[in-house]
Amino acid sequence: MSASTASPEVVPQRRWLRFVLVASVALNLVVIGAAGAAMYRIHQHSPTLSNGSTNLLAYTSTLPEPRRKELWSAMREEHRRLRPLRDDARSARLEWRQALAAEPFDAQRFDKAQVRVFDA
């Protein structure tokens, strides 16, 4: 008899827990679905270059041909102009890493390399 009196108390509690579990799973599925849909929508509407990257120049595909050629030409010129600056920054970072890893550590060399990195 005591087993039958204990069962009615547990059953309502289990129903309540089952409802909370189902509601939680449903909410998680809604959130995951919304995030997936947003990612899919963003991926479908963003133009990409042939290498798969998305950047500002990828959006030139929506422009008329003369404007697109003008922008690509300007970007090539900027790329050529900035190349020495990027090379200098890269060599400054390499010098800094070498000064940091040198055995024995030379604080003056490291400080000079760090200043060069900040200036580059």
C-alpha atoms as a PDB file:
ATOM      1  CA  MET A   1       0.000   0.000   0.000  1.00  0.00           C
ATOM      2  CA  SER A   2       2.758   2.413   0.746  1.00  0.00           C
ATOM      3  CA  ALA A   3       4.111   1.983  -2.806  1.00  0.00           C
ATOM      4  CA  SER A   4       0.770   3.047  -4.304  1.00  0.00           C
ATOM      5  CA  THR A   5       0.590   6.155  -2.112  1.00  0.00           C
ATOM      6  CA  ALA A   6       4.111   7.226  -3.101  1.00  0.00           C
ATOM      7  CA  SER A   7       3.452   6.960  -6.841  1.00  0.00           C
ATOM      8  CA  PRO A   8       0.852   9.761  -7.128  1.00  0.00           C
ATOM      9  CA  GLU A   9       3.287  12.276  -5.594  1.00  0.00           C
ATOM     10  CA  VAL A  10       6.110  11.396  -7.993  1.00  0.00           C
ATOM     11  CA  VAL A  11       4.040  11.320 -11.199  1.00  0.00           C
ATOM     12  CA  PRO A  12       3.047  15.027 -11.203  1.00  0.00           C
ATOM     13  CA  GLN A  13       6.629  15.999 -10.499  1.00  0.00           C
ATOM     14  CA  ARG A  14       7.831  13.856 -13.421  1.00  0.00           C
ATOM     15  CA  ARG A  15       5.265  15.430 -15.744  1.00  0.00           C
ATOM     16  CA  TRP A  16       6.478  18.879 -14.760  1.00  0.00           C
ATOM     17  CA  LEU A  17      10.117  17.911 -15.336  1.00  0.00           C
ATOM     18  CA  ARG A  18       9.257  16.315 -18.677  1.00  0.00           C
ATOM     19  CA  PHE A  19       7.483  19.504 -19.770  1.00  0.00           C
ATOM     20  CA  VAL A  20      10.515  21.620 -18.791  1.00  0.00           C
ATOM     21  CA  LEU A  21      12.854  19.265 -20.663  1.00  0.00           C
ATOM     22  CA  VAL A  22      10.736  19.333 -23.823  1.00  0.00           C
ATOM     23  CA  ALA A  23      10.434  23.132 -23.656  1.00  0.00           C
ATOM     24  CA  SER A  24      14.201  23.474 -23.192  1.00  0.00           C
ATOM     25  CA  VAL A  25      14.975  21.211 -26.142  1.00  0.00           C
ATOM     26  CA  ALA A  26      12.452  23.081 -28.303  1.00  0.00           C
ATOM     27  CA  LEU A  27      13.984  26.438 -27.388  1.00  0.00           C
ATOM     28  CA  ASN A  28      17.484  25.143 -28.152  1.00  0.00           C
ATOM     29  CA  LEU A  29      16.323  23.909 -31.555  1.00  0.00           C
ATOM     30  CA  VAL A  30      14.758  27.288 -32.318  1.00  0.00           C
ATOM     31  CA  VAL A  31      17.972  29.117 -31.420  1.00  0.00           C
ATOM     32  CA  ILE A  32      20.149  26.712 -33.418  1.00  0.00           C
ATOM     33  CA  GLY A  33      17.780  26.950 -36.382  1.00  0.00           C
ATOM     34  CA  ALA A  34      17.782  30.748 -36.298  1.00  0.00           C
ATOM     35  CA  ALA A  35      21.585  30.876 -36.123  1.00  0.00           C
ATOM     36  CA  GLY A  36      21.905  28.377 -38.962  1.00  0.00           C
ATOM     37  CA  ALA A  37      19.420  30.284 -41.113  1.00  0.00           C
ATOM     38  CA  ALA A  38      21.262  33.554 -40.512  1.00  0.00           C
ATOM     39  CA  MET A  39      24.599  31.994 -41.428  1.00  0.00           C
ATOM     40  CA  TYR A  40      23.102  30.441 -44.555  1.00  0.00           C
ATOM     41  CA  ARG A  41      21.522  33.745 -45.584  1.00  0.00           C
ATOM     42  CA  ILE A  42      24.764  35.681 -45.062  1.00  0.00           C
ATOM     43  CA  HIS A  43      26.753  33.098 -47.009  1.00  0.00           C
ATOM     44  CA  GLN A  44      24.304  33.134 -49.915  1.00  0.00           C
ATOM     45  CA  HIS A  45      24.320  36.913 -50.337  1.00  0.00           C
ATOM     46  CA  SER A  46      28.003  37.755 -49.950  1.00  0.00           C
ATOM     47  CA  PRO A  47      30.007  37.747 -53.161  1.00  0.00           C
ATOM     48  CA  THR A  48      33.352  35.984 -52.957  1.00  0.00           C
ATOM     49  CA  LEU A  49      36.510  36.087 -54.979  1.00  0.00           C
ATOM     50  CA  SER A  50      37.787  33.059 -56.843  1.00  0.00           C
ATOM     51  CA  ASN A  51      39.890  32.001 -53.832  1.00  0.00           C
ATOM     52  CA  GLY A  52      36.790  31.983 -51.610  1.00  0.00           C
ATOM     53  CA  SER A  53      37.616  35.058 -49.534  1.00  0.00           C
ATOM     54  CA  THR A  54      35.112  37.813 -48.976  1.00  0.00           C
ATOM     55  CA  ASN A  55      36.485  41.329 -48.990  1.00  0.00           C
ATOM     56  CA  LEU A  56      35.600  44.745 -50.255  1.00  0.00           C
ATOM     57  CA  LEU A  57      36.819  44.070 -53.785  1.00  0.00           C
ATOM     58  CA  ALA A  58      34.481  41.092 -54.055  1.00  0.00           C
ATOM     59  CA  TYR A  59      31.593  43.552 -54.089  1.00  0.00           C
ATOM     60  CA  THR A  60      32.901  45.154 -57.287  1.00  0.00           C
ATOM     61  CA  SER A  61      31.260  42.308 -59.182  1.00  0.00           C
ATOM     62  CA  THR A  62      27.985  44.194 -58.773  1.00  0.00           C
ATOM     63  CA  LEU A  63      29.367  47.305 -60.487  1.00  0.00           C
ATOM     64  CA  PRO A  64      29.415  48.116 -64.191  1.00  0.00           C
ATOM     65  CA  GLU A  65      32.496  46.845 -66.035  1.00  0.00           C
ATOM     66  CA  PRO A  66      34.277  50.245 -66.504  1.00  0.00           C
ATOM     67  CA  ARG A  67      33.938  51.141 -62.814  1.00  0.00           C
ATOM     68  CA  ARG A  68      35.064  47.663 -61.771  1.00  0.00           C
ATOM     69  CA  LYS A  69      38.214  47.917 -63.925  1.00  0.00           C
ATOM     70  CA  GLU A  70      38.923  51.386 -62.519  1.00  0.00           C
ATOM     71  CA  LEU A  71      38.701  50.142 -58.928  1.00  0.00           C
ATOM     72  CA  TRP A  72      40.836  47.063 -59.588  1.00  0.00           C
ATOM     73  CA  SER A  73      43.454  49.250 -61.275  1.00  0.00           C
ATOM     74  CA  ALA A  74      43.507  51.627 -58.320  1.00  0.00           C
ATOM     75  CA  MET A  75      43.879  48.709 -55.915  1.00  0.00           C
ATOM     76  CA  ARG A  76      46.800  47.278 -57.916  1.00  0.00           C
ATOM     77  CA  GLU A  77      48.546  50.655 -57.754  1.00  0.00           C
ATOM     78  CA  GLU A  78      47.954  50.888 -53.999  1.00  0.00           C
ATOM     79  CA  HIS A  79      49.233  47.351 -53.576  1.00  0.00           C
ATOM     80  CA  ARG A  80      52.461  48.249 -55.424  1.00  0.00           C
ATOM     81  CA  ARG A  81      52.838  51.443 -53.396  1.00  0.00           C
ATOM     82  CA  LEU A  82      52.322  49.693 -50.057  1.00  0.00           C
ATOM     83  CA  ARG A  83      54.496  46.661 -50.834  1.00  0.00           C
ATOM     84  CA  PRO A  84      57.751  48.201 -49.513  1.00  0.00           C
ATOM     85  CA  LEU A  85      55.997  49.267 -46.301  1.00  0.00           C
ATOM     86  CA  ARG A  86      54.644  45.750 -45.729  1.00  0.00           C
ATOM     87  CA  ASP A  87      58.053  44.249 -46.446  1.00  0.00           C
ATOM     88  CA  ASP A  88      59.667  46.638 -43.977  1.00  0.00           C
ATOM     89  CA  ALA A  89      57.107  45.779 -41.289  1.00  0.00           C
ATOM     90  CA  ARG A  90      57.632  42.059 -41.926  1.00  0.00           C
ATOM     91  CA  SER A  91      61.425  42.360 -41.633  1.00  0.00           C
ATOM     92  CA  ALA A  92      61.050  44.451 -38.446  1.00  0.00           C
ATOM     93  CA  ARG A  93      58.886  41.729 -36.881  1.00  0.00           C
ATOM     94  CA  LEU A  94      61.408  39.071 -37.931  1.00  0.00           C
ATOM     95  CA  GLU A  95      64.247  41.088 -36.379  1.00  0.00           C
ATOM     96  CA  TRP A  96      62.189  41.472 -33.177  1.00  0.00           C
ATOM     97  CA  ARG A  97      61.538  37.720 -32.979  1.00  0.00           C
ATOM     98  CA  GLN A  98      65.209  36.962 -33.520  1.00  0.00           C
ATOM     99  CA  ALA A  99      66.227  39.450 -30.811  1.00  0.00           C
ATOM    100  CA  LEU A 100      63.709  37.923 -28.427  1.00  0.00           C
ATOM    101  CA  ALA A 101      64.934  34.371 -29.064  1.00  0.00           C
ATOM    102  CA  ALA A 102      68.656  35.204 -29.028  1.00  0.00           C
ATOM    103  CA  GLU A 103      70.896  33.395 -26.556  1.00  0.00           C
ATOM    104  CA  PRO A 104      72.153  35.179 -24.547  1.00  0.00           C
ATOM    105  CA  PHE A 105      69.392  37.761 -24.458  1.00  0.00           C
ATOM    106  CA  ASP A 106      70.566  41.233 -25.478  1.00  0.00           C
ATOM    107  CA  ALA A 107      68.244  43.867 -24.008  1.00  0.00           C
ATOM    108  CA  GLN A 108      69.593  46.687 -26.180  1.00  0.00           C
ATOM    109  CA  ARG A 109      69.112  44.694 -29.386  1.00  0.00           C
ATOM    110  CA  PHE A 110      65.598  43.791 -28.278  1.00  0.00           C
ATOM    111  CA  ASP A 111      64.745  47.437 -27.472  1.00  0.00           C
ATOM    112  CA  LYS A 112      66.017  48.597 -30.882  1.00  0.00           C
ATOM    113  CA  ALA A 113      64.014  45.877 -32.625  1.00  0.00           C
ATOM    114  CA  GLN A 114      60.903  46.775 -30.667  1.00  0.00           C
ATOM    115  CA  VAL A 115      61.235  50.452 -31.590  1.00  0.00           C
ATOM    116  CA  ARG A 116      61.650  49.442 -35.235  1.00  0.00           C
ATOM    117  CA  VAL A 117      58.454  47.358 -35.071  1.00  0.00           C
ATOM    118  CA  PHE A 118      56.530  50.300 -33.601  1.00  0.00           C
ATOM    119  CA  ASP A 119      57.907  52.646 -36.269  1.00  0.00           C
ATOM    120  CA  ALA A 120      57.199  50.275 -39.148  1.00  0.00           C
END
